[in-house]
């Protein structure tokens, strides 16, 4: 469960369904989440990124492109560079 993507709303904790495939954890999502954790992207922000349309040339949501991990990993790193406040950047 520590590898699972969680979102926090009020006092509740929720697990987005995009991380499951046929009732088991979808490994590409877990790998992206581990990368997001390393990049210091909060759970809720990562979950929102997964369902938001990426800029061109991808122009699709990460949840719809899990077969293109190199592109998603690069897009997540670029997002982290834009998202993080200056004092948190490496």
C-alpha atoms as a PDB file:
ATOM      1  CA  UNK A   1       0.000   0.000   0.000  1.00  0.00           C
ATOM      2  CA  UNK A   2       2.911   2.401   0.488  1.00  0.00           C
ATOM      3  CA  UNK A   3       3.410   2.453  -3.275  1.00  0.00           C
ATOM      4  CA  UNK A   4      -0.242   3.298  -3.930  1.00  0.00           C
ATOM      5  CA  UNK A   5      -1.277   6.729  -5.157  1.00  0.00           C
ATOM      6  CA  UNK A   6      -3.478   8.412  -2.593  1.00  0.00           C
ATOM      7  CA  UNK A   7      -5.385  11.657  -2.629  1.00  0.00           C
ATOM      8  CA  UNK A   8      -6.411  13.498   0.466  1.00  0.00           C
ATOM      9  CA  UNK A   9      -9.693  15.400   0.728  1.00  0.00           C
ATOM     10  CA  UNK A  10     -10.616  16.767   4.101  1.00  0.00           C
ATOM     11  CA  UNK A  11     -10.256  13.928   6.559  1.00  0.00           C
ATOM     12  CA  UNK A  12     -10.621  11.262   3.843  1.00  0.00           C
ATOM     13  CA  UNK A  13      -8.026   9.307   1.908  1.00  0.00           C
ATOM     14  CA  UNK A  14      -8.918   8.062  -1.574  1.00  0.00           C
ATOM     15  CA  UNK A  15      -7.195   5.813  -4.101  1.00  0.00           C
ATOM     16  CA  UNK A  16      -7.714   6.828  -7.757  1.00  0.00           C
ATOM     17  CA  UNK A  17      -8.919   3.959  -9.901  1.00  0.00           C
ATOM     18  CA  UNK A  18      -6.490   4.780 -12.730  1.00  0.00           C
ATOM     19  CA  UNK A  19      -3.784   2.927 -10.818  1.00  0.00           C
ATOM     20  CA  UNK A  20      -5.659  -0.380 -11.099  1.00  0.00           C
ATOM     21  CA  UNK A  21      -5.937  -2.688 -14.075  1.00  0.00           C
ATOM     22  CA  UNK A  22      -8.049  -5.813 -13.766  1.00  0.00           C
ATOM     23  CA  UNK A  23      -8.073  -5.437  -9.977  1.00  0.00           C
ATOM     24  CA  UNK A  24      -4.291  -5.256  -9.494  1.00  0.00           C
ATOM     25  CA  UNK A  25      -1.950  -2.299  -9.352  1.00  0.00           C
ATOM     26  CA  UNK A  26      -0.900  -1.016 -12.767  1.00  0.00           C
ATOM     27  CA  UNK A  27       2.900  -1.092 -12.655  1.00  0.00           C
ATOM     28  CA  UNK A  28       3.520   1.903 -14.997  1.00  0.00           C
ATOM     29  CA  UNK A  29       1.421   4.128 -12.714  1.00  0.00           C
ATOM     30  CA  UNK A  30       3.353   2.948  -9.668  1.00  0.00           C
ATOM     31  CA  UNK A  31       6.676   3.657 -11.408  1.00  0.00           C
ATOM     32  CA  UNK A  32       5.518   7.169 -12.300  1.00  0.00           C
ATOM     33  CA  UNK A  33       4.327   7.704  -8.746  1.00  0.00           C
ATOM     34  CA  UNK A  34       7.732   6.631  -7.385  1.00  0.00           C
ATOM     35  CA  UNK A  35       9.348   9.154  -9.729  1.00  0.00           C
ATOM     36  CA  UNK A  36       6.903  11.845  -8.571  1.00  0.00           C
ATOM     37  CA  UNK A  37       7.801  11.047  -4.961  1.00  0.00           C
ATOM     38  CA  UNK A  38      11.515  11.439  -5.771  1.00  0.00           C
ATOM     39  CA  UNK A  39      10.719  14.757  -7.483  1.00  0.00           C
ATOM     40  CA  UNK A  40       8.806  15.890  -4.369  1.00  0.00           C
ATOM     41  CA  UNK A  41       5.474  16.154  -6.169  1.00  0.00           C
ATOM     42  CA  UNK A  42       2.624  15.763  -3.646  1.00  0.00           C
ATOM     43  CA  UNK A  43       0.142  12.896  -4.020  1.00  0.00           C
ATOM     44  CA  UNK A  44      -2.802  15.130  -4.940  1.00  0.00           C
ATOM     45  CA  UNK A  45      -0.783  17.049  -7.524  1.00  0.00           C
ATOM     46  CA  UNK A  46       0.442  13.824  -9.116  1.00  0.00           C
ATOM     47  CA  UNK A  47      -3.106  12.461  -9.308  1.00  0.00           C
ATOM     48  CA  UNK A  48      -4.258  15.666 -11.027  1.00  0.00           C
ATOM     49  CA  UNK A  49      -1.301  15.493 -13.448  1.00  0.00           C
ATOM     50  CA  UNK A  50      -2.231  11.917 -14.397  1.00  0.00           C
ATOM     51  CA  UNK A  51      -5.661  13.003 -15.662  1.00  0.00           C
ATOM     52  CA  UNK A  52      -4.665  16.357 -17.211  1.00  0.00           C
ATOM     53  CA  UNK A  53      -3.857  16.760 -20.893  1.00  0.00           C
ATOM     54  CA  UNK A  54      -0.130  17.090 -21.514  1.00  0.00           C
ATOM     55  CA  UNK A  55       1.212  19.880 -23.717  1.00  0.00           C
ATOM     56  CA  UNK A  56       1.943  19.175 -27.385  1.00  0.00           C
ATOM     57  CA  UNK A  57       3.250  17.010 -28.930  1.00  0.00           C
ATOM     58  CA  UNK A  58       1.610  14.465 -26.624  1.00  0.00           C
ATOM     59  CA  UNK A  59      -1.729  16.312 -26.271  1.00  0.00           C
ATOM     60  CA  UNK A  60      -3.155  13.383 -24.329  1.00  0.00           C
ATOM     61  CA  UNK A  61      -3.580  12.461 -20.659  1.00  0.00           C
ATOM     62  CA  UNK A  62      -0.890  10.364 -18.961  1.00  0.00           C
ATOM     63  CA  UNK A  63      -3.512   7.760 -17.989  1.00  0.00           C
ATOM     64  CA  UNK A  64      -4.149   7.232 -21.708  1.00  0.00           C
ATOM     65  CA  UNK A  65      -0.454   6.889 -22.599  1.00  0.00           C
ATOM     66  CA  UNK A  66       0.917   4.361 -20.120  1.00  0.00           C
ATOM     67  CA  UNK A  67       2.521   2.436 -22.967  1.00  0.00           C
ATOM     68  CA  UNK A  68       4.912   5.372 -23.576  1.00  0.00           C
ATOM     69  CA  UNK A  69       6.870   5.499 -20.327  1.00  0.00           C
ATOM     70  CA  UNK A  70       9.904   7.437 -21.652  1.00  0.00           C
ATOM     71  CA  UNK A  71       7.655  10.293 -22.784  1.00  0.00           C
ATOM     72  CA  UNK A  72       5.697  10.257 -19.509  1.00  0.00           C
ATOM     73  CA  UNK A  73       8.830  10.186 -17.373  1.00  0.00           C
ATOM     74  CA  UNK A  74      10.239  13.170 -19.271  1.00  0.00           C
ATOM     75  CA  UNK A  75       6.906  15.013 -19.049  1.00  0.00           C
ATOM     76  CA  UNK A  76       6.702  14.364 -15.300  1.00  0.00           C
ATOM     77  CA  UNK A  77      10.233  15.667 -14.752  1.00  0.00           C
ATOM     78  CA  UNK A  78       9.450  18.794 -16.801  1.00  0.00           C
ATOM     79  CA  UNK A  79       6.242  19.280 -14.827  1.00  0.00           C
ATOM     80  CA  UNK A  80       8.142  18.980 -11.548  1.00  0.00           C
ATOM     81  CA  UNK A  81      10.596  21.644 -12.680  1.00  0.00           C
ATOM     82  CA  UNK A  82       7.700  24.020 -13.407  1.00  0.00           C
ATOM     83  CA  UNK A  83       5.607  23.049 -10.386  1.00  0.00           C
ATOM     84  CA  UNK A  84       8.114  23.122  -7.530  1.00  0.00           C
ATOM     85  CA  UNK A  85       8.877  26.443  -5.881  1.00  0.00           C
ATOM     86  CA  UNK A  86      12.399  27.704  -6.559  1.00  0.00           C
ATOM     87  CA  UNK A  87      13.681  26.796  -3.081  1.00  0.00           C
ATOM     88  CA  UNK A  88      12.709  23.121  -3.631  1.00  0.00           C
ATOM     89  CA  UNK A  89      14.462  22.755  -6.995  1.00  0.00           C
ATOM     90  CA  UNK A  90      17.743  20.928  -7.178  1.00  0.00           C
END
